[in-house]
Amino acid sequence: MKTSAPIGNQKVFTGRLADFKEEKVTLYLEEGKGKAIEIPFDQIAQARLEVEF
C-alpha cells in the first residue's frame, strides 16, 4: 500500500489487511512482527491485493 503523505517517515507498507472501519484501514505489517498501523482512506494513493491459496 502506498500513501500520499508519509506516516512515520514511510510511504510504502506491506502486510495483511486486518480491518476496515471508520474510514481507516488497519494493516498488520510484515516487517513489524505483528505491529499494526491504521491508515486513513483519504491517504491511500495505491493498494494492491495479493491473494493466497
PDB file of N, CA and C in Angstrom:
ATOM      1  N   MET A   1       0.841  -1.146   0.000  1.00  0.00           N
ATOM      2  CA  MET A   1       0.000   0.000   0.000  1.00  0.00           C
ATOM      3  C   MET A   1       0.903   1.231   0.000  1.00  0.00           C
ATOM      4  N   LYS A   2       0.570   2.202  -0.825  1.00  0.00           N
ATOM      5  CA  LYS A   2       1.307   3.462  -0.867  1.00  0.00           C
ATOM      6  C   LYS A   2       0.397   4.573  -0.365  1.00  0.00           C
ATOM      7  N   THR A   3       0.978   5.480   0.419  1.00  0.00           N
ATOM      8  CA  THR A   3       0.200   6.604   0.931  1.00  0.00           C
ATOM      9  C   THR A   3       0.609   7.887   0.220  1.00  0.00           C
ATOM     10  N   SER A   4      -0.281   8.844   0.214  1.00  0.00           N
ATOM     11  CA  SER A   4       0.002  10.129  -0.440  1.00  0.00           C
ATOM     12  C   SER A   4       0.926  10.999   0.401  1.00  0.00           C
ATOM     13  N   ALA A   5       0.941  10.767   1.705  1.00  0.00           N
ATOM     14  CA  ALA A   5       1.832  11.501   2.612  1.00  0.00           C
ATOM     15  C   ALA A   5       2.495  10.487   3.552  1.00  0.00           C
ATOM     16  N   PRO A   6       3.702  10.763   3.994  1.00  0.00           N
ATOM     17  CA  PRO A   6       4.388   9.816   4.890  1.00  0.00           C
ATOM     18  C   PRO A   6       3.646   9.628   6.215  1.00  0.00           C
ATOM     19  N   ILE A   7       3.657   8.401   6.691  1.00  0.00           N
ATOM     20  CA  ILE A   7       3.147   8.055   8.009  1.00  0.00           C
ATOM     21  C   ILE A   7       4.331   7.455   8.755  1.00  0.00           C
ATOM     22  N   GLY A   8       4.820   8.153   9.753  1.00  0.00           N
ATOM     23  CA  GLY A   8       6.010   7.687  10.471  1.00  0.00           C
ATOM     24  C   GLY A   8       7.222   7.597   9.574  1.00  0.00           C
ATOM     25  N   ASN A   9       7.423   8.580   8.709  1.00  0.00           N
ATOM     26  CA  ASN A   9       8.554   8.643   7.771  1.00  0.00           C
ATOM     27  C   ASN A   9       8.555   7.532   6.735  1.00  0.00           C
ATOM     28  N   GLN A  10       7.394   6.970   6.432  1.00  0.00           N
ATOM     29  CA  GLN A  10       7.294   5.875   5.469  1.00  0.00           C
ATOM     30  C   GLN A  10       6.052   6.074   4.612  1.00  0.00           C
ATOM     31  N   LYS A  11       6.180   5.757   3.309  1.00  0.00           N
ATOM     32  CA  LYS A  11       5.047   5.891   2.397  1.00  0.00           C
ATOM     33  C   LYS A  11       4.613   4.569   1.773  1.00  0.00           C
ATOM     34  N   VAL A  12       5.412   3.516   1.919  1.00  0.00           N
ATOM     35  CA  VAL A  12       5.086   2.212   1.345  1.00  0.00           C
ATOM     36  C   VAL A  12       4.993   1.192   2.473  1.00  0.00           C
ATOM     37  N   PHE A  13       3.872   0.452   2.515  1.00  0.00           N
ATOM     38  CA  PHE A  13       3.619  -0.519   3.579  1.00  0.00           C
ATOM     39  C   PHE A  13       3.208  -1.850   2.964  1.00  0.00           C
ATOM     40  N   THR A  14       3.703  -2.943   3.539  1.00  0.00           N
ATOM     41  CA  THR A  14       3.349  -4.285   3.099  1.00  0.00           C
ATOM     42  C   THR A  14       2.872  -5.068   4.307  1.00  0.00           C
ATOM     43  N   GLY A  15       1.745  -5.755   4.153  1.00  0.00           N
ATOM     44  CA  GLY A  15       1.229  -6.550   5.260  1.00  0.00           C
ATOM     45  C   GLY A  15      -0.136  -7.124   4.956  1.00  0.00           C
ATOM     46  N   ARG A  16      -0.798  -7.588   5.992  1.00  0.00           N
ATOM     47  CA  ARG A  16      -2.126  -8.188   5.871  1.00  0.00           C
ATOM     48  C   ARG A  16      -3.192  -7.194   6.322  1.00  0.00           C
ATOM     49  N   LEU A  17      -4.248  -7.095   5.514  1.00  0.00           N
ATOM     50  CA  LEU A  17      -5.369  -6.246   5.893  1.00  0.00           C
ATOM     51  C   LEU A  17      -6.107  -6.907   7.051  1.00  0.00           C
ATOM     52  N   ALA A  18      -6.294  -6.160   8.112  1.00  0.00           N
ATOM     53  CA  ALA A  18      -6.928  -6.705   9.308  1.00  0.00           C
ATOM     54  C   ALA A  18      -8.349  -6.185   9.502  1.00  0.00           C
ATOM     55  N   ASP A  19      -8.595  -4.920   9.136  1.00  0.00           N
ATOM     56  CA  ASP A  19      -9.899  -4.329   9.424  1.00  0.00           C
ATOM     57  C   ASP A  19     -10.139  -3.103   8.561  1.00  0.00           C
ATOM     58  N   PHE A  20     -11.413  -2.806   8.318  1.00  0.00           N
ATOM     59  CA  PHE A  20     -11.857  -1.589   7.643  1.00  0.00           C
ATOM     60  C   PHE A  20     -12.976  -1.008   8.487  1.00  0.00           C
ATOM     61  N   LYS A  21     -12.771   0.135   9.069  1.00  0.00           N
ATOM     62  CA  LYS A  21     -13.862   0.795   9.780  1.00  0.00           C
ATOM     63  C   LYS A  21     -13.518   2.249  10.048  1.00  0.00           C
ATOM     64  N   GLU A  22     -14.568   3.038  10.205  1.00  0.00           N
ATOM     65  CA  GLU A  22     -14.433   4.462  10.492  1.00  0.00           C
ATOM     66  C   GLU A  22     -13.459   5.159   9.547  1.00  0.00           C
ATOM     67  N   GLU A  23     -13.572   4.807   8.264  1.00  0.00           N
ATOM     68  CA  GLU A  23     -12.753   5.409   7.211  1.00  0.00           C
ATOM     69  C   GLU A  23     -11.261   5.199   7.404  1.00  0.00           C
ATOM     70  N   LYS A  24     -10.891   4.059   8.012  1.00  0.00           N
ATOM     71  CA  LYS A  24      -9.483   3.698   8.202  1.00  0.00           C
ATOM     72  C   LYS A  24      -9.282   2.229   7.872  1.00  0.00           C
ATOM     73  N   VAL A  25      -8.088   1.910   7.405  1.00  0.00           N
ATOM     74  CA  VAL A  25      -7.671   0.540   7.152  1.00  0.00           C
ATOM     75  C   VAL A  25      -6.650   0.181   8.224  1.00  0.00           C
ATOM     76  N   THR A  26      -6.803  -0.995   8.822  1.00  0.00           N
ATOM     77  CA  THR A  26      -5.797  -1.491   9.757  1.00  0.00           C
ATOM     78  C   THR A  26      -4.994  -2.550   9.028  1.00  0.00           C
ATOM     79  N   LEU A  27      -3.682  -2.393   9.051  1.00  0.00           N
ATOM     80  CA  LEU A  27      -2.772  -3.262   8.325  1.00  0.00           C
ATOM     81  C   LEU A  27      -1.747  -3.826   9.300  1.00  0.00           C
ATOM     82  N   TYR A  28      -1.637  -5.166   9.345  1.00  0.00           N
ATOM     83  CA  TYR A  28      -0.576  -5.803  10.145  1.00  0.00           C
ATOM     84  C   TYR A  28       0.664  -5.853   9.274  1.00  0.00           C
ATOM     85  N   LEU A  29       1.700  -5.164   9.672  1.00  0.00           N
ATOM     86  CA  LEU A  29       2.908  -5.035   8.877  1.00  0.00           C
ATOM     87  C   LEU A  29       3.734  -6.308   8.879  1.00  0.00           C
ATOM     88  N   GLU A  30       4.273  -6.669   7.701  1.00  0.00           N
ATOM     89  CA  GLU A  30       5.136  -7.849   7.582  1.00  0.00           C
ATOM     90  C   GLU A  30       6.430  -7.668   8.354  1.00  0.00           C
ATOM     91  N   GLU A  31       7.044  -6.515   8.200  1.00  0.00           N
ATOM     92  CA  GLU A  31       8.340  -6.287   8.836  1.00  0.00           C
ATOM     93  C   GLU A  31       8.225  -5.971  10.320  1.00  0.00           C
ATOM     94  N   GLY A  32       7.016  -5.756  10.812  1.00  0.00           N
ATOM     95  CA  GLY A  32       6.825  -5.362  12.202  1.00  0.00           C
ATOM     96  C   GLY A  32       6.550  -6.494  13.166  1.00  0.00           C
ATOM     97  N   LYS A  33       6.498  -7.743  12.673  1.00  0.00           N
ATOM     98  CA  LYS A  33       6.238  -8.908  13.527  1.00  0.00           C
ATOM     99  C   LYS A  33       5.001  -8.702  14.394  1.00  0.00           C
ATOM    100  N   GLY A  34       3.870  -8.449  13.758  1.00  0.00           N
ATOM    101  CA  GLY A  34       2.616  -8.272  14.482  1.00  0.00           C
ATOM    102  C   GLY A  34       2.246  -6.828  14.748  1.00  0.00           C
ATOM    103  N   LYS A  35       3.103  -5.903  14.376  1.00  0.00           N
ATOM    104  CA  LYS A  35       2.805  -4.489  14.564  1.00  0.00           C
ATOM    105  C   LYS A  35       1.705  -4.071  13.585  1.00  0.00           C
ATOM    106  N   ALA A  36       0.748  -3.300  14.073  1.00  0.00           N
ATOM    107  CA  ALA A  36      -0.363  -2.840  13.236  1.00  0.00           C
ATOM    108  C   ALA A  36      -0.284  -1.327  13.048  1.00  0.00           C
ATOM    109  N   ILE A  37      -0.797  -0.879  11.909  1.00  0.00           N
ATOM    110  CA  ILE A  37      -0.850   0.556  11.623  1.00  0.00           C
ATOM    111  C   ILE A  37      -2.224   0.859  11.044  1.00  0.00           C
ATOM    112  N   GLU A  38      -2.775   2.020  11.381  1.00  0.00           N
ATOM    113  CA  GLU A  38      -4.040   2.478  10.816  1.00  0.00           C
ATOM    114  C   GLU A  38      -3.744   3.544   9.772  1.00  0.00           C
ATOM    115  N   ILE A  39      -4.348   3.381   8.606  1.00  0.00           N
ATOM    116  CA  ILE A  39      -4.144   4.327   7.508  1.00  0.00           C
ATOM    117  C   ILE A  39      -5.514   4.857   7.087  1.00  0.00           C
ATOM    118  N   PRO A  40      -5.720   6.166   7.147  1.00  0.00           N
ATOM    119  CA  PRO A  40      -6.990   6.751   6.699  1.00  0.00           C
ATOM    120  C   PRO A  40      -7.196   6.528   5.197  1.00  0.00           C
ATOM    121  N   PHE A  41      -8.446   6.243   4.801  1.00  0.00           N
ATOM    122  CA  PHE A  41      -8.759   6.013   3.387  1.00  0.00           C
ATOM    123  C   PHE A  41      -8.259   7.143   2.495  1.00  0.00           C
ATOM    124  N   ASP A  42      -8.408   8.387   2.948  1.00  0.00           N
ATOM    125  CA  ASP A  42      -8.044   9.519   2.091  1.00  0.00           C
ATOM    126  C   ASP A  42      -6.539   9.669   1.897  1.00  0.00           C
ATOM    127  N   GLN A  43      -5.727   8.919   2.624  1.00  0.00           N
ATOM    128  CA  GLN A  43      -4.269   8.969   2.445  1.00  0.00           C
ATOM    129  C   GLN A  43      -3.732   7.814   1.602  1.00  0.00           C
ATOM    130  N   ILE A  44      -4.608   6.887   1.208  1.00  0.00           N
ATOM    131  CA  ILE A  44      -4.174   5.753   0.386  1.00  0.00           C
ATOM    132  C   ILE A  44      -4.088   6.201  -1.069  1.00  0.00           C
ATOM    133  N   ALA A  45      -2.883   6.147  -1.624  1.00  0.00           N
ATOM    134  CA  ALA A  45      -2.674   6.527  -3.019  1.00  0.00           C
ATOM    135  C   ALA A  45      -2.796   5.321  -3.938  1.00  0.00           C
ATOM    136  N   GLN A  46      -2.336   4.145  -3.465  1.00  0.00           N
ATOM    137  CA  GLN A  46      -2.374   2.945  -4.279  1.00  0.00           C
ATOM    138  C   GLN A  46      -2.369   1.727  -3.358  1.00  0.00           C
ATOM    139  N   ALA A  47      -3.126   0.709  -3.743  1.00  0.00           N
ATOM    140  CA  ALA A  47      -3.139  -0.537  -2.979  1.00  0.00           C
ATOM    141  C   ALA A  47      -3.241  -1.698  -3.942  1.00  0.00           C
ATOM    142  N   ARG A  48      -2.545  -2.772  -3.628  1.00  0.00           N
ATOM    143  CA  ARG A  48      -2.583  -3.981  -4.450  1.00  0.00           C
ATOM    144  C   ARG A  48      -2.915  -5.168  -3.557  1.00  0.00           C
ATOM    145  N   LEU A  49      -3.752  -6.028  -4.064  1.00  0.00           N
ATOM    146  CA  LEU A  49      -4.167  -7.201  -3.322  1.00  0.00           C
ATOM    147  C   LEU A  49      -3.406  -8.422  -3.827  1.00  0.00           C
ATOM    148  N   GLU A  50      -2.825  -9.154  -2.918  1.00  0.00           N
ATOM    149  CA  GLU A  50      -2.154 -10.402  -3.262  1.00  0.00           C
ATOM    150  C   GLU A  50      -2.969 -11.524  -2.631  1.00  0.00           C
ATOM    151  N   VAL A  51      -3.480 -12.409  -3.462  1.00  0.00           N
ATOM    152  CA  VAL A  51      -4.338 -13.487  -2.986  1.00  0.00           C
ATOM    153  C   VAL A  51      -3.501 -14.718  -2.683  1.00  0.00           C
ATOM    154  N   GLU A  52      -3.757 -15.331  -1.519  1.00  0.00           N
ATOM    155  CA  GLU A  52      -3.083 -16.576  -1.140  1.00  0.00           C
ATOM    156  C   GLU A  52      -4.053 -17.729  -1.292  1.00  0.00           C
ATOM    157  N   PHE A  53      -3.586 -18.838  -1.829  1.00  0.00           N
ATOM    158  CA  PHE A  53      -4.404 -20.046  -1.957  1.00  0.00           C
ATOM    159  C   PHE A  53      -3.907 -21.099  -1.020  1.00  0.00           C
TER     160      PHE A  53
END
